[in-house]
Amino acid sequence: MKNKIIKIIGIILLIVLIIFVVYTGRNIYIISKLSNKAEETSKCTNYKQIVYNYNLDNYSKEEIFVMEDKMKIIRTELSGDDVVTITTYAKKIDDNNDKYLVNMYYDTKEDKKAILNKEIGYTKNLQNELETENWWQLFTTSITTSIKNETLNGKECYYITNFDGLNSTPEERMYVDKNTGILNCIISENKELTTEERENSSIIEYRYEFNNVTEDDFNEPNIKDYNIEE
């Protein structure tokens, strides 16, 4: 009887081990594949990225145009009845530190103003959210990560939760495009909030178009229409 119990326990442990190896191995494979695709996609120097950010009563939209060393960002913010549009034209002046020389145009209901020739640093827009520091971090986070097949906005995605990497935290729920490895949507939660408040946590959606940005996208508005600020 004792040997039979030991045998049953051994079989159960073997099954648990097989499930662990298959589950973790699948996660390691998917995360590694998506991370490699994201690294390749992030090398693209001609693309348009649209970012929608929903957070409680606030809403913002960013249209980002990138072509080689040029970038244009149109940011529209809506808070209550107020609408503000900020259009930034940027040209890279320092490849090592991602430094840009920018002209910024502010459009509101009451005013139109411009700030010219300002130096600003920008980070990379196409970021690899599934990057890990090393193989050990990839292995440990793959144990707890959940990965499901989903479709979002007509694109085949992986729905990834509880991933702890270099650029993301377990509090973030991510929809990652299977073809590019880039984020389609990320939902951030604050665990200090109540369940009802979490329903209104930050939601960021992304849209991408590659290799269709032209010089015409960087035509600046007539400076005479704006008040210049120092």
Protein backbone atom coordinates (compact mmCIF):
# COMPACT_ATOMS: atom_id res chain seq x y z
CA MET A 1 0.00 0.00 0.00
CA LYS A 2 2.85 2.34 0.90
CA ASN A 3 4.62 1.65 -2.40
CA LYS A 4 1.37 2.32 -4.27
CA ILE A 5 0.98 5.73 -2.56
CA ILE A 6 4.58 6.61 -3.35
CA LYS A 7 4.01 5.60 -6.98
CA ILE A 8 0.86 7.77 -7.21
CA ILE A 9 2.68 10.72 -5.68
CA GLY A 10 5.52 10.19 -8.14
CA ILE A 11 3.10 10.18 -11.09
CA ILE A 12 1.41 13.35 -9.83
CA LEU A 13 4.77 15.09 -9.43
CA LEU A 14 5.80 13.98 -12.92
CA ILE A 15 2.57 15.38 -14.39
CA VAL A 16 3.07 18.67 -12.53
CA LEU A 17 6.66 18.83 -13.80
CA ILE A 18 5.57 18.18 -17.40
CA ILE A 19 2.88 20.87 -17.16
CA PHE A 20 5.43 23.30 -15.69
CA VAL A 21 7.99 22.61 -18.41
CA VAL A 22 5.44 22.86 -21.25
CA TYR A 23 3.81 26.03 -19.85
CA THR A 24 7.08 27.81 -19.10
CA GLY A 25 8.71 26.64 -22.33
CA ARG A 26 5.78 27.95 -24.38
CA ASN A 27 5.99 31.34 -22.66
CA ILE A 28 9.76 31.56 -23.16
CA TYR A 29 9.36 30.77 -26.86
CA ILE A 30 6.56 33.31 -27.44
CA ILE A 31 8.21 36.10 -25.42
CA SER A 32 11.57 35.57 -27.13
CA LYS A 33 9.96 35.52 -30.59
CA LEU A 34 7.96 38.68 -29.96
CA SER A 35 10.95 40.45 -28.43
CA ASN A 36 13.09 39.67 -31.47
CA LYS A 37 10.34 40.91 -33.82
CA ALA A 38 9.99 44.11 -31.77
CA GLU A 39 13.73 44.75 -32.02
CA GLU A 40 13.54 44.44 -35.81
CA THR A 41 10.43 46.61 -36.07
CA SER A 42 11.98 49.30 -33.86
CA LYS A 43 14.74 49.78 -36.47
CA CYS A 44 12.19 51.22 -38.90
CA THR A 45 12.95 54.89 -39.68
CA ASN A 46 9.74 55.71 -41.57
CA TYR A 47 6.43 55.24 -39.80
CA LYS A 48 3.36 56.89 -38.33
CA GLN A 49 2.23 56.03 -34.83
CA ILE A 50 -1.12 57.08 -33.36
CA VAL A 51 -1.50 56.84 -29.58
CA TYR A 52 -4.88 57.11 -27.83
CA ASN A 53 -4.73 57.62 -24.06
CA TYR A 54 -7.88 57.25 -21.94
CA ASN A 55 -7.63 58.08 -18.25
CA LEU A 56 -10.76 58.80 -16.19
CA ASP A 57 -12.24 62.04 -17.61
CA ASN A 58 -9.16 62.92 -19.67
CA TYR A 59 -8.43 61.95 -23.24
CA SER A 60 -5.43 62.58 -25.45
CA LYS A 61 -4.36 61.60 -28.94
CA GLU A 62 -0.84 61.72 -30.35
CA GLU A 63 0.03 61.38 -34.02
CA ILE A 64 3.75 60.76 -34.40
CA PHE A 65 5.42 60.99 -37.82
CA VAL A 66 9.00 59.72 -38.12
CA MET A 67 11.22 59.92 -41.18
CA GLU A 68 14.96 59.36 -40.72
CA ASP A 69 16.15 62.22 -38.43
CA LYS A 70 12.84 64.13 -38.50
CA MET A 71 9.81 63.80 -36.26
CA LYS A 72 6.44 65.52 -36.00
CA ILE A 73 4.10 65.07 -33.05
CA ILE A 74 0.50 66.32 -33.03
CA ARG A 75 -0.90 66.03 -29.52
CA THR A 76 -4.57 66.75 -28.84
CA GLU A 77 -5.73 66.89 -25.22
CA LEU A 78 -9.37 66.93 -24.15
CA SER A 79 -10.29 67.64 -20.54
CA GLY A 80 -13.89 68.66 -19.95
CA ASP A 81 -14.72 71.33 -22.53
CA ASP A 82 -11.10 72.35 -23.12
CA VAL A 83 -9.27 71.22 -26.25
CA VAL A 84 -5.55 71.90 -26.69
CA THR A 85 -3.49 70.94 -29.74
CA ILE A 86 0.30 70.99 -29.59
CA THR A 87 2.19 70.37 -32.82
CA THR A 88 5.93 69.73 -32.54
CA TYR A 89 8.39 69.66 -35.43
CA ALA A 90 11.70 68.12 -34.44
CA LYS A 91 15.03 67.45 -36.15
CA LYS A 92 17.66 65.29 -34.49
CA ILE A 93 20.91 67.10 -33.63
CA ASP A 94 22.59 64.47 -31.44
CA ASP A 95 22.40 60.78 -32.40
CA ASN A 96 24.05 59.61 -29.19
CA ASN A 97 21.55 61.26 -26.83
CA ASP A 98 18.43 61.50 -29.04
CA LYS A 99 18.53 65.30 -28.81
CA TYR A 100 16.23 67.27 -31.13
CA LEU A 101 15.87 70.92 -32.13
CA VAL A 102 12.13 71.64 -32.11
CA ASN A 103 9.49 74.20 -32.99
CA MET A 104 6.27 73.89 -30.98
CA TYR A 105 2.89 75.35 -31.94
CA TYR A 106 0.08 75.63 -29.35
CA ASP A 107 -3.53 76.01 -30.51
CA THR A 108 -6.29 76.69 -27.97
CA LYS A 109 -9.68 78.40 -28.03
CA GLU A 110 -8.15 81.61 -26.71
CA ASP A 111 -4.65 81.74 -28.17
CA LYS A 112 -2.13 80.57 -30.75
CA LYS A 113 1.49 80.65 -29.64
CA ALA A 114 4.81 79.21 -30.82
CA ILE A 115 8.07 78.30 -29.15
CA LEU A 116 10.98 78.06 -31.59
CA ASN A 117 14.44 76.47 -31.64
CA LYS A 118 14.19 74.61 -28.34
CA GLU A 119 16.38 71.58 -27.56
CA ILE A 120 14.46 68.56 -26.27
CA GLY A 121 15.31 64.91 -25.72
CA TYR A 122 12.94 62.20 -26.96
CA THR A 123 12.95 58.48 -26.31
CA LYS A 124 12.32 55.82 -28.96
CA ASN A 125 8.63 55.49 -29.89
CA LEU A 126 8.78 51.87 -31.07
CA GLN A 127 9.81 50.23 -27.83
CA ASN A 128 10.30 46.56 -27.06
CA GLU A 129 7.97 46.05 -24.09
CA LEU A 130 8.96 42.38 -23.75
CA GLU A 131 12.69 42.97 -23.34
CA THR A 132 14.34 41.20 -20.43
CA GLU A 133 17.71 41.81 -18.83
CA ASN A 134 19.00 38.26 -19.26
CA TRP A 135 17.94 34.63 -19.67
CA TRP A 136 17.33 34.22 -15.95
CA GLN A 137 14.83 37.10 -15.88
CA LEU A 138 13.18 35.67 -19.00
CA PHE A 139 12.87 32.28 -17.29
CA THR A 140 11.55 33.55 -13.95
CA THR A 141 8.96 35.90 -15.46
CA SER A 142 7.84 33.21 -17.91
CA ILE A 143 6.77 31.08 -14.94
CA THR A 144 4.16 33.61 -13.81
CA THR A 145 3.25 35.24 -17.14
CA SER A 146 -0.11 34.46 -18.76
CA ILE A 147 -0.27 34.51 -22.59
CA LYS A 148 -3.53 34.09 -24.54
CA ASN A 149 -4.47 34.41 -28.20
CA GLU A 150 -6.70 37.44 -28.84
CA THR A 151 -7.85 39.71 -31.68
CA LEU A 152 -7.80 43.49 -31.19
CA ASN A 153 -8.86 46.02 -33.83
CA GLY A 154 -8.65 43.34 -36.49
CA LYS A 155 -5.08 42.31 -35.61
CA GLU A 156 -3.95 38.95 -34.25
CA CYS A 157 -2.41 39.56 -30.83
CA TYR A 158 -1.18 37.90 -27.70
CA TYR A 159 -2.88 39.11 -24.52
CA ILE A 160 -0.08 39.15 -21.94
CA THR A 161 -0.50 39.67 -18.21
CA ASN A 162 1.77 39.54 -15.15
CA PHE A 163 4.92 40.09 -17.23
CA ASP A 164 7.83 41.66 -15.35
CA GLY A 165 10.47 42.92 -17.79
CA LEU A 166 12.79 45.87 -18.33
CA ASN A 167 10.10 48.13 -19.82
CA SER A 168 6.92 46.79 -18.21
CA THR A 169 5.50 45.69 -14.86
CA PRO A 170 3.06 42.96 -13.73
CA GLU A 171 0.38 45.66 -13.23
CA GLU A 172 0.25 46.23 -17.00
CA ARG A 173 -1.97 44.17 -19.29
CA MET A 174 -0.68 44.15 -22.86
CA TYR A 175 -2.00 43.30 -26.31
CA VAL A 176 1.04 42.62 -28.49
CA ASP A 177 0.86 42.34 -32.28
CA LYS A 178 1.96 38.85 -33.36
CA ASN A 179 3.50 40.10 -36.60
CA THR A 180 5.53 43.04 -35.32
CA GLY A 181 6.03 42.38 -31.59
CA ILE A 182 4.84 45.95 -30.93
CA LEU A 183 2.12 47.00 -28.49
CA ASN A 184 -1.45 47.40 -29.75
CA CYS A 185 -2.86 48.27 -26.35
CA ILE A 186 -1.69 48.53 -22.77
CA ILE A 187 -3.90 48.80 -19.69
CA SER A 188 -2.25 50.01 -16.48
CA GLU A 189 -3.81 49.40 -13.08
CA ASN A 190 -3.07 50.90 -9.70
CA LYS A 191 -3.54 48.18 -7.09
CA GLU A 192 -4.23 50.84 -4.44
CA LEU A 193 -7.47 51.75 -6.24
CA THR A 194 -10.84 50.16 -5.54
CA THR A 195 -12.29 47.63 -8.00
CA GLU A 196 -14.63 50.29 -9.41
CA GLU A 197 -11.79 52.79 -9.85
CA ARG A 198 -9.66 50.22 -11.65
CA GLU A 199 -12.28 50.01 -14.38
CA ASN A 200 -11.22 53.56 -15.25
CA SER A 201 -7.48 52.97 -15.10
CA SER A 202 -5.22 54.22 -17.88
CA ILE A 203 -5.83 52.64 -21.29
CA ILE A 204 -3.41 53.36 -24.14
CA GLU A 205 -4.12 52.14 -27.68
CA TYR A 206 -1.66 52.21 -30.59
CA ARG A 207 -2.01 52.29 -34.38
CA TYR A 208 0.88 51.99 -36.82
CA GLU A 209 1.54 52.67 -40.49
CA PHE A 210 4.97 51.90 -41.93
CA ASN A 211 6.93 53.43 -44.82
CA ASN A 212 4.39 56.03 -45.93
CA VAL A 213 5.64 59.25 -44.26
CA THR A 214 6.80 61.93 -46.74
CA GLU A 215 8.40 65.38 -46.67
CA ASP A 216 4.94 66.92 -47.03
CA ASP A 217 4.12 65.75 -43.52
CA PHE A 218 6.73 68.18 -42.15
CA ASN A 219 5.43 71.42 -43.67
CA GLU A 220 5.17 73.87 -40.77
CA PRO A 221 2.28 76.36 -40.35
CA ASN A 222 2.59 80.06 -41.15
CA ILE A 223 4.50 81.60 -38.26
CA LYS A 224 2.61 84.89 -38.76
CA ASP A 225 -0.50 83.25 -37.31
CA TYR A 226 1.20 82.68 -33.95
CA ASN A 227 2.48 84.71 -31.04
CA ILE A 228 6.17 83.93 -30.51
CA GLU A 229 7.23 83.11 -26.96
CA GLU A 230 10.84 83.22 -25.79
